Amino acid sequence: MADSSVFTTDLGAVTAYADAKAHGYTGTREEFGTLLANAGNNLAEANAAKAAAQASATQAGQSANAAAASAKAAASAVGAAFYGVDFSGSTSAGTRTGAATEFVFTPGTDTSAGQNDFDGVYPWAGMRRCCCTLNADGTVTVNAYKGQPGYIEDGTNGEVLVEVPLFYVSGMLDVNPRVSAVPMPGFRAPRKFQNADGSLKQKCYLPAFPGSIGADGKLHSIAGVVSTGNKTISQFLAAARLWGETYCINTSADFEVLAYLMIVVYGTRNVQSKINGCVSLYNIAVAGARTNESAVTVAKNTLEPGMVISIGTGGEDASVASQRIVTAIEAIEGDTANVKASFSGDAVTTTTDHKVWRIMQSTGTANSVISTCGSPVSNSDGKHSFVFYGCENPLYGNQWRFECDWKLIDGVPYYCDDPTKYQWSSADDYTKLDGLVLPGDGWAKNLQADERFPWLQIAKEVGGSSGTYLADYFYIVKSGTRVALRGARSSNGNQGGAFVVALNHDASLSWLSSSADLSIPG
């Protein structure tokens, strides 16, 4: 271990330690010095590991490459490193800055590890899945981390969450987002890490899986189920509050944590150009009749296990079968063009007059990815879930997500910072953000924020396209009270993405393609 004394006496390190303490760091000066000192060792080890990785084309070598290359930035913690990306003009891709200047990100699949140089640096290196007990007071008790005995994703040992260590951010997401593991001048802790008294949490928790309402009426984060739809924003919120009064559904604070981490890693505002997500599913034809079977005949390569389907007469009709999970794909003897797709639930009768509505992917379908970020099979076909450091389908694709801490009233955004007071009937307990002038419908070009609530970033101008600026669409109706949705659903194609916002529905919206994830206060 490196000698930490030089770091605890060096003026820059002492200043960094003081700033860290002022922002909630709870360790001793010696521990902080050791953290910084070890960063130097990590750099030497990283360079050696990176050299070894570059000499090998194996997947193991690629993993070493990711860990090694990432540590070159961890080493910069001696100088209080940040990892960032700068954007300019209409080009969606950015230029990496700070300690991330030479970083490479290539997402993986279920057969390829890709390359992700962020894997070994904090905060990304500290993100890990865990089974947790949710306490009524909003705190979380970790029962087991992934890889430990007792870790299971079906809910029998608690909710499956992703633990995220404290980090700091600066800059707007669309201009110059920056992330640092330690406090730096001009940086702030994301809202998710801030307690009501101004102190900081050393970690926060995000749902690992899209939200599903169970038989107990509660909103869950577990694998192997269909994420819930056909509920209003108030119904989703009520299901979350069964855990405790401070639990809720997606907020702008949840978005902020994931968005800064994701945009810096991806290095582009057009997130779909890196990982497309589940955005290109819809109807396919039934290719052969079946009588009284929990199966349907379809063309090859159109369905796969884990996909959620309904069967009906076309469009989004589900009169024959509703929200079934495909369980197996089998060859049909003598038929080289089609396959038998078995699914969960009761047997049905299907004919060639029917259509299969490919709704979404069930939860856990990205578990086969062998790297921290990526999709099974393909990162570009638009048919697969993806994982980002343990979070499945975060921010975009599969289903729209309600965001509950802000709303639109006659074209003006209103924000509420108290999770016990979210409602859609009045402006009571909300702050009017009348300094934000929102544009009409269109492809978003840039973002704006109220300086009091910098974590809520909303479109400022439109006029871009699917491949320029933010590369995401902005929907709005400027009359009445409108709820916020983000991300787009499984058939929105290139209109989906991390920056897509829909402000064109009221609180009565109840649609299979709109859902909500659990938001954990502790």
Foldseek 3Di string as FASTA:
>chain_A
DFDLVCLLPDPQSVVLVVVQVVQFDDDDSSVSSVQLRVLQVLLVVLVVLLVVLVVDPDQVSQVSNQQSLLSQQSNCVNVQWKWKWFDDDWFFFTQIDTSCRPFDDAPFALVHATHFNNCNHPPLVVKWKFFWDQAQVQDIDTPGTPPDPPDDFAQPRHFIKIKTFWWWWADDLQGMIMITRGDDPRIHTQPLQADPVGHGHRIFIGALKAWAQDPVLATGRGADAAHFFQDFLVSNQVNLCVSYLQKGWAALSVLLVVSSVQCSRCSGLQSLVRFVFQAAFFKFFFPAKDAFAQKTKGFPPRDDFQWWKAKDQDDPDRPFHHGWTFHDWADDPPDPTMIITGTDDGTTIDHRSMMMTRQFGGGPQQVSTPYQWHWHPDRNPNRTWIHHRSHINPQAEAFKAFHFQWKAALQWIWGAPGSNDTDFPDNPRTHTPVVQHDDAKAAAAAWDDDPVNSSDIAGRDHDHDCRIHSNEIEHADRHGMFTKITHFYNHNGSNGDNHYIHRHHGRVDTDRRYHTHMGRSD
